[in-house]
Amino acid sequence: MAEGLAASGLALTAPDGRVILRDASLEIPAGGRAWIEGPPGSGKRALLKVVAGLLPPEQGEVHLGGI
């Protein structure tokens, strides 16, 4: 995806060993919108932090606008 946001294969583990993200992926075209939904503790906030570049993933890649 040249434009927009793409994330693939994201993995993240909490310091206590809990798996927060496992093979998480998403693709949002430029100008698009997305809704992230799930039960408490399912990793929504962690996913947003990784995609925003505030938290490095243990695995996977995030591309914004082709970068």
C-alpha atoms as a PDB file:
ATOM      1  CA  MET A   1       0.000   0.000   0.000  1.00  0.00           C
ATOM      2  CA  ALA A   2       1.650   3.229  -1.159  1.00  0.00           C
ATOM      3  CA  GLU A   3      -0.749   5.580   0.645  1.00  0.00           C
ATOM      4  CA  GLY A   4      -2.507   5.191   3.955  1.00  0.00           C
ATOM      5  CA  LEU A   5      -1.622   3.011   6.913  1.00  0.00           C
ATOM      6  CA  ALA A   6      -0.582  -0.625   6.808  1.00  0.00           C
ATOM      7  CA  ALA A   7       0.580  -2.818   9.678  1.00  0.00           C
ATOM      8  CA  SER A   8       1.337  -6.508   9.470  1.00  0.00           C
ATOM      9  CA  GLY A   9       2.470  -9.274  11.780  1.00  0.00           C
ATOM     10  CA  LEU A  10       2.587  -7.109  14.891  1.00  0.00           C
ATOM     11  CA  ALA A  11       3.536  -8.874  18.117  1.00  0.00           C
ATOM     12  CA  LEU A  12       3.903  -7.474  21.608  1.00  0.00           C
ATOM     13  CA  THR A  13       4.356  -9.100  25.017  1.00  0.00           C
ATOM     14  CA  ALA A  14       3.857  -7.414  28.415  1.00  0.00           C
ATOM     15  CA  PRO A  15       6.749  -7.389  30.906  1.00  0.00           C
ATOM     16  CA  ASP A  16       4.934 -10.059  32.944  1.00  0.00           C
ATOM     17  CA  GLY A  17       4.829 -12.386  29.912  1.00  0.00           C
ATOM     18  CA  ARG A  18       1.220 -11.861  28.814  1.00  0.00           C
ATOM     19  CA  VAL A  19       0.762 -11.785  25.049  1.00  0.00           C
ATOM     20  CA  ILE A  20      -0.788  -8.438  24.122  1.00  0.00           C
ATOM     21  CA  LEU A  21      -0.629  -8.642  20.320  1.00  0.00           C
ATOM     22  CA  ARG A  22      -0.067 -11.733  18.206  1.00  0.00           C
ATOM     23  CA  ASP A  23       0.129 -11.429  14.413  1.00  0.00           C
ATOM     24  CA  ALA A  24      -2.053  -8.292  14.396  1.00  0.00           C
ATOM     25  CA  SER A  25      -2.546  -6.663  11.002  1.00  0.00           C
ATOM     26  CA  LEU A  26      -4.590  -3.832   9.565  1.00  0.00           C
ATOM     27  CA  GLU A  27      -4.820  -1.732   6.435  1.00  0.00           C
ATOM     28  CA  ILE A  28      -6.504   1.668   6.199  1.00  0.00           C
ATOM     29  CA  PRO A  29      -6.439   3.588   2.914  1.00  0.00           C
ATOM     30  CA  ALA A  30      -5.507   7.273   2.869  1.00  0.00           C
ATOM     31  CA  GLY A  31      -8.490   9.274   4.080  1.00  0.00           C
ATOM     32  CA  GLY A  32     -10.111   6.118   5.458  1.00  0.00           C
ATOM     33  CA  ARG A  33     -11.453   5.470   8.915  1.00  0.00           C
ATOM     34  CA  ALA A  34     -11.384   2.443  11.162  1.00  0.00           C
ATOM     35  CA  TRP A  35     -13.154   1.262  14.277  1.00  0.00           C
ATOM     36  CA  ILE A  36     -11.204  -0.792  16.811  1.00  0.00           C
ATOM     37  CA  GLU A  37     -13.408  -2.776  19.135  1.00  0.00           C
ATOM     38  CA  GLY A  38     -12.873  -5.518  21.682  1.00  0.00           C
ATOM     39  CA  PRO A  39     -13.196  -6.476  25.327  1.00  0.00           C
ATOM     40  CA  PRO A  40     -11.096  -4.814  28.035  1.00  0.00           C
ATOM     41  CA  GLY A  41      -7.519  -6.041  27.960  1.00  0.00           C
ATOM     42  CA  SER A  42      -7.650  -7.227  24.348  1.00  0.00           C
ATOM     43  CA  GLY A  43      -4.798  -4.961  23.148  1.00  0.00           C
ATOM     44  CA  LYS A  44      -6.668  -2.067  21.518  1.00  0.00           C
ATOM     45  CA  ARG A  45      -4.604   0.633  23.214  1.00  0.00           C
ATOM     46  CA  ALA A  46      -1.346  -1.261  22.606  1.00  0.00           C
ATOM     47  CA  LEU A  47      -2.196  -1.598  18.907  1.00  0.00           C
ATOM     48  CA  LEU A  48      -2.818   2.150  18.638  1.00  0.00           C
ATOM     49  CA  LYS A  49       0.442   2.928  20.451  1.00  0.00           C
ATOM     50  CA  VAL A  50       2.424   0.645  18.137  1.00  0.00           C
ATOM     51  CA  VAL A  51       0.787   2.085  15.009  1.00  0.00           C
ATOM     52  CA  ALA A  52       1.458   5.651  16.270  1.00  0.00           C
ATOM     53  CA  GLY A  53       5.143   4.818  16.814  1.00  0.00           C
ATOM     54  CA  LEU A  54       4.948   5.303  20.588  1.00  0.00           C
ATOM     55  CA  LEU A  55       5.691   1.661  21.385  1.00  0.00           C
ATOM     56  CA  PRO A  56       8.032  -0.548  19.329  1.00  0.00           C
ATOM     57  CA  PRO A  57       6.605  -3.937  18.298  1.00  0.00           C
ATOM     58  CA  GLU A  58       8.610  -7.097  18.973  1.00  0.00           C
ATOM     59  CA  GLN A  59       7.745  -8.292  15.475  1.00  0.00           C
ATOM     60  CA  GLY A  60       6.067  -6.879  12.410  1.00  0.00           C
ATOM     61  CA  GLU A  61       6.089  -3.677  10.428  1.00  0.00           C
ATOM     62  CA  VAL A  62       4.094  -0.441  10.274  1.00  0.00           C
ATOM     63  CA  HIS A  63       4.028   1.671   7.101  1.00  0.00           C
ATOM     64  CA  LEU A  64       2.458   5.117   6.876  1.00  0.00           C
ATOM     65  CA  GLY A  65       2.241   6.748   3.477  1.00  0.00           C
ATOM     66  CA  GLY A  66       4.677   4.200   2.046  1.00  0.00           C
ATOM     67  CA  ILE A  67       7.371   4.877   4.684  1.00  0.00           C
END
